[in-house]
Amino acid sequence: MADTSPIADEASSYDDFNTFEFSDKTIRQGFIRKVYSILTIQLLVTISIMCCFIFIEPVKQWAFENNWVWLVAFGVTIICLIVLACCADVRRKFPMNIIFLGIFTLCEGILLGTVSCRYKTDAVLMAAGITTVVAVGLTIFSFQTKWDFTMCSGALFVLTIVLLVFGIICLIVRNRYASIAYASLGALIFAMYLVMDTQMMIGGKHKYALSPEEYIFAALNLYLDIVNMFMFILSIIGLSGGN
């Protein structure tokens, strides 16, 4: 005779809940692994392209003599970014999402390469080292902290607008100390973005989280956070006399 007591029903519900929770946790862990695998490949490709511009003299000279390369790479980057950010069907559909992300990463590598070759090699390596340490430290912090940074998206958006206005002022004023302050603010903002985007990827008890289907979008966000942080840190080093 089947046990239909309330205790049996409660035990059954408890088991179902645990199974669902375990399944959700497994899916989230797979999502995180996929995101970091894509991000690692993006960073390796970007670093490889940058090394070509920094250490191979003919490539560096070619970049100096052909400014159109930077403009074309920038234009393609913006187009790919808009498509991946605004078209959910494209970024969720294989292989279109990988194709657009690959093109974006290649163009971003060219952009970073053309910019980095205008700095001293020591300055670029120092900026890369600092960015690596900061990114790893913030990632560990994001996984461990109880503070929920996913609720700070509005404040970060306002700070980004302030950064944009500050950048326009720096272009007009042309003051070295103002430029250092601008680069420092930019590095701080994108460091905060890195924490927020990491927590949105983790999900769990945070207020906002990305869907496991959005692995391309998550990798894109983390990649942009790290790249922008690197560029601002490189600017600080260059303006401080490391160029």
C-alpha atoms as a PDB file:
ATOM      1  CA  MET A   1       0.000   0.000   0.000  1.00  0.00           C
ATOM      2  CA  ALA A   2       1.437   3.373  -1.038  1.00  0.00           C
ATOM      3  CA  ASP A   3       2.419   5.815   1.696  1.00  0.00           C
ATOM      4  CA  THR A   4       0.329   8.966   1.183  1.00  0.00           C
ATOM      5  CA  SER A   5       1.099  10.578   4.524  1.00  0.00           C
ATOM      6  CA  PRO A   6       2.078  14.290   4.704  1.00  0.00           C
ATOM      7  CA  ILE A   7       5.566  13.264   5.804  1.00  0.00           C
ATOM      8  CA  ALA A   8       6.053  11.213   2.639  1.00  0.00           C
ATOM      9  CA  ASP A   9       4.765  14.095   0.486  1.00  0.00           C
ATOM     10  CA  GLU A  10       7.117  16.509   2.224  1.00  0.00           C
ATOM     11  CA  ALA A  11      10.070  14.172   1.742  1.00  0.00           C
ATOM     12  CA  SER A  12       9.212  13.822  -1.941  1.00  0.00           C
ATOM     13  CA  SER A  13       9.032  17.598  -2.379  1.00  0.00           C
ATOM     14  CA  TYR A  14      12.364  17.987  -0.582  1.00  0.00           C
ATOM     15  CA  ASP A  15      14.019  15.469  -2.909  1.00  0.00           C
ATOM     16  CA  ASP A  16      12.576  17.212  -5.968  1.00  0.00           C
ATOM     17  CA  PHE A  17      13.876  20.555  -4.711  1.00  0.00           C
ATOM     18  CA  ASN A  18      17.356  19.145  -4.095  1.00  0.00           C
ATOM     19  CA  THR A  19      17.407  17.561  -7.549  1.00  0.00           C
ATOM     20  CA  PHE A  20      16.390  20.866  -9.154  1.00  0.00           C
ATOM     21  CA  GLU A  21      18.962  22.803  -7.130  1.00  0.00           C
ATOM     22  CA  PHE A  22      21.717  20.330  -8.049  1.00  0.00           C
ATOM     23  CA  SER A  23      20.732  20.468 -11.720  1.00  0.00           C
ATOM     24  CA  ASP A  24      20.701  24.276 -11.732  1.00  0.00           C
ATOM     25  CA  LYS A  25      24.095  24.380 -10.017  1.00  0.00           C
ATOM     26  CA  THR A  26      25.544  21.924 -12.539  1.00  0.00           C
ATOM     27  CA  ILE A  27      24.244  23.989 -15.456  1.00  0.00           C
ATOM     28  CA  ARG A  28      25.684  27.185 -13.944  1.00  0.00           C
ATOM     29  CA  GLN A  29      29.086  25.550 -13.388  1.00  0.00           C
ATOM     30  CA  GLY A  30      29.138  24.340 -17.001  1.00  0.00           C
ATOM     31  CA  PHE A  31      28.195  27.841 -18.127  1.00  0.00           C
ATOM     32  CA  ILE A  32      31.058  29.370 -16.125  1.00  0.00           C
ATOM     33  CA  ARG A  33      33.569  26.884 -17.559  1.00  0.00           C
ATOM     34  CA  LYS A  34      32.381  27.618 -21.086  1.00  0.00           C
ATOM     35  CA  VAL A  35      32.639  31.395 -20.550  1.00  0.00           C
ATOM     36  CA  TYR A  36      36.170  31.230 -19.162  1.00  0.00           C
ATOM     37  CA  SER A  37      37.268  28.841 -21.922  1.00  0.00           C
ATOM     38  CA  ILE A  38      36.080  31.322 -24.567  1.00  0.00           C
ATOM     39  CA  LEU A  39      37.594  34.246 -22.658  1.00  0.00           C
ATOM     40  CA  THR A  40      40.962  32.479 -22.404  1.00  0.00           C
ATOM     41  CA  ILE A  41      41.030  31.844 -26.151  1.00  0.00           C
ATOM     42  CA  GLN A  42      40.101  35.490 -26.817  1.00  0.00           C
ATOM     43  CA  LEU A  43      42.894  36.767 -24.591  1.00  0.00           C
ATOM     44  CA  LEU A  44      45.469  34.388 -26.092  1.00  0.00           C
ATOM     45  CA  VAL A  45      44.548  35.474 -29.630  1.00  0.00           C
ATOM     46  CA  THR A  46      44.687  39.140 -28.600  1.00  0.00           C
ATOM     47  CA  ILE A  47      48.068  38.753 -26.893  1.00  0.00           C
ATOM     48  CA  SER A  48      49.477  36.906 -29.926  1.00  0.00           C
ATOM     49  CA  ILE A  49      48.416  39.699 -32.290  1.00  0.00           C
ATOM     50  CA  MET A  50      49.774  42.356 -29.925  1.00  0.00           C
ATOM     51  CA  CYS A  51      53.144  40.564 -29.735  1.00  0.00           C
ATOM     52  CA  CYS A  52      53.368  40.695 -33.538  1.00  0.00           C
ATOM     53  CA  PHE A  53      52.945  44.478 -33.473  1.00  0.00           C
ATOM     54  CA  ILE A  54      55.283  44.987 -30.530  1.00  0.00           C
ATOM     55  CA  PHE A  55      58.183  42.612 -31.228  1.00  0.00           C
ATOM     56  CA  ILE A  56      58.233  42.272 -35.042  1.00  0.00           C
ATOM     57  CA  GLU A  57      59.806  45.463 -36.389  1.00  0.00           C
ATOM     58  CA  PRO A  58      58.388  45.302 -39.972  1.00  0.00           C
ATOM     59  CA  VAL A  59      54.862  44.884 -38.584  1.00  0.00           C
ATOM     60  CA  LYS A  60      55.388  47.793 -36.180  1.00  0.00           C
ATOM     61  CA  GLN A  61      56.690  49.997 -38.993  1.00  0.00           C
ATOM     62  CA  TRP A  62      53.782  48.989 -41.216  1.00  0.00           C
ATOM     63  CA  ALA A  63      51.338  49.989 -38.454  1.00  0.00           C
ATOM     64  CA  PHE A  64      52.998  53.406 -38.166  1.00  0.00           C
ATOM     65  CA  GLU A  65      52.756  53.997 -41.915  1.00  0.00           C
ATOM     66  CA  ASN A  66      49.172  52.754 -42.390  1.00  0.00           C
ATOM     67  CA  ASN A  67      46.757  54.485 -40.031  1.00  0.00           C
ATOM     68  CA  TRP A  68      43.808  53.209 -42.075  1.00  0.00           C
ATOM     69  CA  VAL A  69      44.319  49.777 -40.498  1.00  0.00           C
ATOM     70  CA  TRP A  70      43.310  51.179 -37.118  1.00  0.00           C
ATOM     71  CA  LEU A  71      40.245  52.876 -38.583  1.00  0.00           C
ATOM     72  CA  VAL A  72      39.069  49.756 -40.428  1.00  0.00           C
ATOM     73  CA  ALA A  73      39.613  47.536 -37.372  1.00  0.00           C
ATOM     74  CA  PHE A  74      37.757  50.032 -35.198  1.00  0.00           C
ATOM     75  CA  GLY A  75      34.816  50.173 -37.599  1.00  0.00           C
ATOM     76  CA  VAL A  76      34.508  46.379 -37.843  1.00  0.00           C
ATOM     77  CA  THR A  77      34.806  46.089 -34.059  1.00  0.00           C
ATOM     78  CA  ILE A  78      31.918  48.507 -33.512  1.00  0.00           C
ATOM     79  CA  ILE A  79      29.732  46.661 -36.042  1.00  0.00           C
ATOM     80  CA  CYS A  80      30.408  43.257 -34.458  1.00  0.00           C
ATOM     81  CA  LEU A  81      29.842  44.678 -30.988  1.00  0.00           C
ATOM     82  CA  ILE A  82      26.471  46.152 -31.959  1.00  0.00           C
ATOM     83  CA  VAL A  83      25.383  42.876 -33.598  1.00  0.00           C
ATOM     84  CA  LEU A  84      26.413  40.751 -30.600  1.00  0.00           C
ATOM     85  CA  ALA A  85      24.914  43.142 -28.061  1.00  0.00           C
ATOM     86  CA  CYS A  86      21.640  43.908 -29.820  1.00  0.00           C
ATOM     87  CA  CYS A  87      20.810  40.740 -31.791  1.00  0.00           C
ATOM     88  CA  ALA A  88      19.995  37.942 -29.352  1.00  0.00           C
ATOM     89  CA  ASP A  89      19.349  35.467 -32.194  1.00  0.00           C
ATOM     90  CA  VAL A  90      22.877  36.003 -33.558  1.00  0.00           C
ATOM     91  CA  ARG A  91      24.774  35.695 -30.267  1.00  0.00           C
ATOM     92  CA  ARG A  92      22.806  32.593 -29.233  1.00  0.00           C
ATOM     93  CA  LYS A  93      22.970  30.748 -32.558  1.00  0.00           C
ATOM     94  CA  PHE A  94      25.986  28.596 -33.396  1.00  0.00           C
ATOM     95  CA  PRO A  95      28.136  29.106 -35.471  1.00  0.00           C
ATOM     96  CA  MET A  96      27.174  32.755 -36.134  1.00  0.00           C
ATOM     97  CA  ASN A  97      27.957  33.757 -32.552  1.00  0.00           C
ATOM     98  CA  ILE A  98      31.453  32.259 -32.735  1.00  0.00           C
ATOM     99  CA  ILE A  99      32.114  33.837 -36.143  1.00  0.00           C
ATOM    100  CA  PHE A 100      31.151  37.330 -35.003  1.00  0.00           C
ATOM    101  CA  LEU A 101      33.028  36.945 -31.728  1.00  0.00           C
ATOM    102  CA  GLY A 102      36.105  35.699 -33.621  1.00  0.00           C
ATOM    103  CA  ILE A 103      36.050  38.662 -36.014  1.00  0.00           C
ATOM    104  CA  PHE A 104      35.555  41.026 -33.080  1.00  0.00           C
ATOM    105  CA  THR A 105      38.501  39.493 -31.199  1.00  0.00           C
ATOM    106  CA  LEU A 106      40.816  39.663 -34.230  1.00  0.00           C
ATOM    107  CA  CYS A 107      39.971  43.332 -34.858  1.00  0.00           C
ATOM    108  CA  GLU A 108      40.313  44.162 -31.171  1.00  0.00           C
ATOM    109  CA  GLY A 109      43.744  42.514 -31.197  1.00  0.00           C
ATOM    110  CA  ILE A 110      44.764  44.689 -34.164  1.00  0.00           C
ATOM    111  CA  LEU A 111      43.474  47.802 -32.373  1.00  0.00           C
ATOM    112  CA  LEU A 112      45.417  46.976 -29.227  1.00  0.00           C
ATOM    113  CA  GLY A 113      48.486  46.108 -31.295  1.00  0.00           C
ATOM    114  CA  THR A 114      48.495  49.408 -33.185  1.00  0.00           C
ATOM    115  CA  VAL A 115      48.088  51.326 -29.928  1.00  0.00           C
ATOM    116  CA  SER A 116      50.610  49.298 -27.911  1.00  0.00           C
ATOM    117  CA  CYS A 117      53.384  49.587 -30.505  1.00  0.00           C
ATOM    118  CA  ARG A 118      53.410  53.356 -29.844  1.00  0.00           C
ATOM    119  CA  TYR A 119      54.486  52.724 -26.250  1.00  0.00           C
ATOM    120  CA  LYS A 120      57.745  51.345 -24.934  1.00  0.00           C
ATOM    121  CA  THR A 121      57.783  47.576 -24.642  1.00  0.00           C
ATOM    122  CA  ASP A 122      58.486  47.791 -20.892  1.00  0.00           C
ATOM    123  CA  ALA A 123      55.403  49.993 -20.412  1.00  0.00           C
ATOM    124  CA  VAL A 124      53.185  47.523 -22.294  1.00  0.00           C
ATOM    125  CA  LEU A 125      54.528  44.546 -20.342  1.00  0.00           C
ATOM    126  CA  MET A 126      54.086  46.415 -17.057  1.00  0.00           C
ATOM    127  CA  ALA A 127      50.492  47.325 -17.959  1.00  0.00           C
ATOM    128  CA  ALA A 128      49.780  43.725 -18.966  1.00  0.00           C
ATOM    129  CA  GLY A 129      51.215  42.425 -15.701  1.00  0.00           C
ATOM    130  CA  ILE A 130      49.247  44.891 -13.570  1.00  0.00           C
ATOM    131  CA  THR A 131      46.048  44.116 -15.495  1.00  0.00           C
ATOM    132  CA  THR A 132      46.560  40.373 -14.999  1.00  0.00           C
ATOM    133  CA  VAL A 133      47.085  40.718 -11.244  1.00  0.00           C
ATOM    134  CA  VAL A 134      44.104  43.071 -10.850  1.00  0.00           C
ATOM    135  CA  ALA A 135      41.807  40.920 -13.025  1.00  0.00           C
ATOM    136  CA  VAL A 136      42.675  37.703 -11.168  1.00  0.00           C
ATOM    137  CA  GLY A 137      42.332  39.413  -7.791  1.00  0.00           C
ATOM    138  CA  LEU A 138      38.957  40.941  -8.662  1.00  0.00           C
ATOM    139  CA  THR A 139      37.700  37.624 -10.040  1.00  0.00           C
ATOM    140  CA  ILE A 140      38.566  35.835  -6.800  1.00  0.00           C
ATOM    141  CA  PHE A 141      36.958  38.686  -4.862  1.00  0.00           C
ATOM    142  CA  SER A 142      33.797  38.426  -6.993  1.00  0.00           C
ATOM    143  CA  PHE A 143      33.442  34.723  -6.224  1.00  0.00           C
ATOM    144  CA  GLN A 144      34.057  35.129  -2.481  1.00  0.00           C
ATOM    145  CA  THR A 145      32.430  38.415  -1.431  1.00  0.00           C
ATOM    146  CA  LYS A 146      28.918  38.666  -0.025  1.00  0.00           C
ATOM    147  CA  TRP A 147      28.476  42.146  -1.497  1.00  0.00           C
ATOM    148  CA  ASP A 148      26.140  42.164  -4.468  1.00  0.00           C
ATOM    149  CA  PHE A 149      27.609  44.368  -7.202  1.00  0.00           C
ATOM    150  CA  THR A 150      24.935  43.388  -9.732  1.00  0.00           C
ATOM    151  CA  MET A 151      22.720  46.093  -8.225  1.00  0.00           C
ATOM    152  CA  CYS A 152      25.293  48.768  -9.149  1.00  0.00           C
ATOM    153  CA  SER A 153      24.594  48.755 -12.907  1.00  0.00           C
ATOM    154  CA  GLY A 154      22.740  52.089 -12.753  1.00  0.00           C
ATOM    155  CA  ALA A 155      25.516  53.796 -10.794  1.00  0.00           C
ATOM    156  CA  LEU A 156      28.177  52.398 -13.149  1.00  0.00           C
ATOM    157  CA  PHE A 157      26.224  53.651 -16.165  1.00  0.00           C
ATOM    158  CA  VAL A 158      26.190  57.154 -14.649  1.00  0.00           C
ATOM    159  CA  LEU A 159      29.936  56.933 -13.955  1.00  0.00           C
ATOM    160  CA  THR A 160      30.515  55.843 -17.560  1.00  0.00           C
ATOM    161  CA  ILE A 161      28.678  58.966 -18.800  1.00  0.00           C
ATOM    162  CA  VAL A 162      30.828  61.077 -16.450  1.00  0.00           C
ATOM    163  CA  LEU A 163      33.931  59.337 -17.839  1.00  0.00           C
ATOM    164  CA  LEU A 164      32.834  60.123 -21.400  1.00  0.00           C
ATOM    165  CA  VAL A 165      32.301  63.827 -20.607  1.00  0.00           C
ATOM    166  CA  PHE A 166      35.606  63.935 -18.699  1.00  0.00           C
ATOM    167  CA  GLY A 167      37.348  62.433 -21.736  1.00  0.00           C
ATOM    168  CA  ILE A 168      35.945  65.129 -24.045  1.00  0.00           C
ATOM    169  CA  ILE A 169      37.147  67.809 -21.617  1.00  0.00           C
ATOM    170  CA  CYS A 170      40.630  66.235 -21.539  1.00  0.00           C
ATOM    171  CA  LEU A 171      40.759  66.351 -25.354  1.00  0.00           C
ATOM    172  CA  ILE A 172      40.056  70.079 -25.234  1.00  0.00           C
ATOM    173  CA  VAL A 173      42.146  71.063 -22.209  1.00  0.00           C
ATOM    174  CA  ARG A 174      45.184  68.845 -22.965  1.00  0.00           C
ATOM    175  CA  ASN A 175      46.454  68.733 -19.395  1.00  0.00           C
ATOM    176  CA  ARG A 176      48.727  65.859 -18.352  1.00  0.00           C
ATOM    177  CA  TYR A 177      47.397  65.587 -14.809  1.00  0.00           C
ATOM    178  CA  ALA A 178      43.791  65.739 -15.988  1.00  0.00           C
ATOM    179  CA  SER A 179      44.570  62.903 -18.423  1.00  0.00           C
ATOM    180  CA  ILE A 180      46.099  60.822 -15.613  1.00  0.00           C
ATOM    181  CA  ALA A 181      42.982  61.434 -13.497  1.00  0.00           C
ATOM    182  CA  TYR A 182      40.795  60.443 -16.469  1.00  0.00           C
ATOM    183  CA  ALA A 183      42.745  57.215 -17.054  1.00  0.00           C
ATOM    184  CA  SER A 184      42.645  56.384 -13.336  1.00  0.00           C
ATOM    185  CA  LEU A 185      38.872  56.894 -13.224  1.00  0.00           C
ATOM    186  CA  GLY A 186      38.470  54.736 -16.339  1.00  0.00           C
ATOM    187  CA  ALA A 187      40.542  51.903 -14.845  1.00  0.00           C
ATOM    188  CA  LEU A 188      38.504  52.049 -11.628  1.00  0.00           C
ATOM    189  CA  ILE A 189      35.149  51.995 -13.454  1.00  0.00           C
ATOM    190  CA  PHE A 190      36.053  49.004 -15.612  1.00  0.00           C
ATOM    191  CA  ALA A 191      37.456  47.190 -12.577  1.00  0.00           C
ATOM    192  CA  MET A 192      34.018  47.606 -11.001  1.00  0.00           C
ATOM    193  CA  TYR A 193      32.399  46.439 -14.243  1.00  0.00           C
ATOM    194  CA  LEU A 194      34.564  43.312 -14.106  1.00  0.00           C
ATOM    195  CA  VAL A 195      33.288  42.499 -10.610  1.00  0.00           C
ATOM    196  CA  MET A 196      29.671  43.138 -11.625  1.00  0.00           C
ATOM    197  CA  ASP A 197      29.858  41.099 -14.846  1.00  0.00           C
ATOM    198  CA  THR A 198      31.577  38.237 -13.017  1.00  0.00           C
ATOM    199  CA  GLN A 199      28.826  38.120 -10.406  1.00  0.00           C
ATOM    200  CA  MET A 200      26.147  38.249 -13.118  1.00  0.00           C
ATOM    201  CA  MET A 201      27.802  35.223 -14.675  1.00  0.00           C
ATOM    202  CA  ILE A 202      28.009  33.393 -11.321  1.00  0.00           C
ATOM    203  CA  GLY A 203      24.322  33.904 -10.548  1.00  0.00           C
ATOM    204  CA  GLY A 204      23.253  32.249  -7.297  1.00  0.00           C
ATOM    205  CA  LYS A 205      22.162  34.662  -4.580  1.00  0.00           C
ATOM    206  CA  HIS A 206      22.914  37.789  -6.607  1.00  0.00           C
ATOM    207  CA  LYS A 207      19.940  39.910  -7.621  1.00  0.00           C
ATOM    208  CA  TYR A 208      20.700  39.777 -11.356  1.00  0.00           C
ATOM    209  CA  ALA A 209      22.189  36.902 -13.361  1.00  0.00           C
ATOM    210  CA  LEU A 210      22.801  36.012 -17.002  1.00  0.00           C
ATOM    211  CA  SER A 211      21.027  33.099 -18.642  1.00  0.00           C
ATOM    212  CA  PRO A 212      23.253  30.054 -19.346  1.00  0.00           C
ATOM    213  CA  GLU A 213      22.391  30.616 -23.023  1.00  0.00           C
ATOM    214  CA  GLU A 214      24.261  33.929 -22.922  1.00  0.00           C
ATOM    215  CA  TYR A 215      27.780  32.468 -22.726  1.00  0.00           C
ATOM    216  CA  ILE A 216      28.955  34.575 -25.693  1.00  0.00           C
ATOM    217  CA  PHE A 217      27.564  37.748 -24.137  1.00  0.00           C
ATOM    218  CA  ALA A 218      29.189  36.911 -20.788  1.00  0.00           C
ATOM    219  CA  ALA A 219      32.593  36.260 -22.388  1.00  0.00           C
ATOM    220  CA  LEU A 220      32.274  39.470 -24.416  1.00  0.00           C
ATOM    221  CA  ASN A 221      31.530  41.520 -21.287  1.00  0.00           C
ATOM    222  CA  LEU A 222      34.485  40.123 -19.332  1.00  0.00           C
ATOM    223  CA  TYR A 223      36.799  40.532 -22.325  1.00  0.00           C
ATOM    224  CA  LEU A 224      35.827  44.186 -22.796  1.00  0.00           C
ATOM    225  CA  ASP A 225      36.263  44.880 -19.085  1.00  0.00           C
ATOM    226  CA  ILE A 226      39.793  43.461 -19.098  1.00  0.00           C
ATOM    227  CA  VAL A 227      40.786  45.123 -22.380  1.00  0.00           C
ATOM    228  CA  ASN A 228      39.518  48.555 -21.336  1.00  0.00           C
ATOM    229  CA  MET A 229      41.180  48.240 -17.952  1.00  0.00           C
ATOM    230  CA  PHE A 230      44.460  47.379 -19.707  1.00  0.00           C
ATOM    231  CA  MET A 231      44.200  50.405 -22.009  1.00  0.00           C
ATOM    232  CA  PHE A 232      43.589  52.812 -19.132  1.00  0.00           C
ATOM    233  CA  ILE A 233      46.419  51.317 -17.073  1.00  0.00           C
ATOM    234  CA  LEU A 234      48.729  51.606 -20.106  1.00  0.00           C
ATOM    235  CA  SER A 235      47.700  55.263 -20.463  1.00  0.00           C
ATOM    236  CA  ILE A 236      48.523  55.905 -16.793  1.00  0.00           C
ATOM    237  CA  ILE A 237      51.977  54.368 -17.190  1.00  0.00           C
ATOM    238  CA  GLY A 238      52.601  56.275 -20.427  1.00  0.00           C
ATOM    239  CA  LEU A 239      51.491  59.617 -18.959  1.00  0.00           C
ATOM    240  CA  SER A 240      53.560  58.984 -15.834  1.00  0.00           C
ATOM    241  CA  GLY A 241      56.739  58.804 -17.877  1.00  0.00           C
ATOM    242  CA  GLY A 242      56.799  55.130 -18.836  1.00  0.00           C
ATOM    243  CA  ASN A 243      56.212  55.872 -22.546  1.00  0.00           C
END
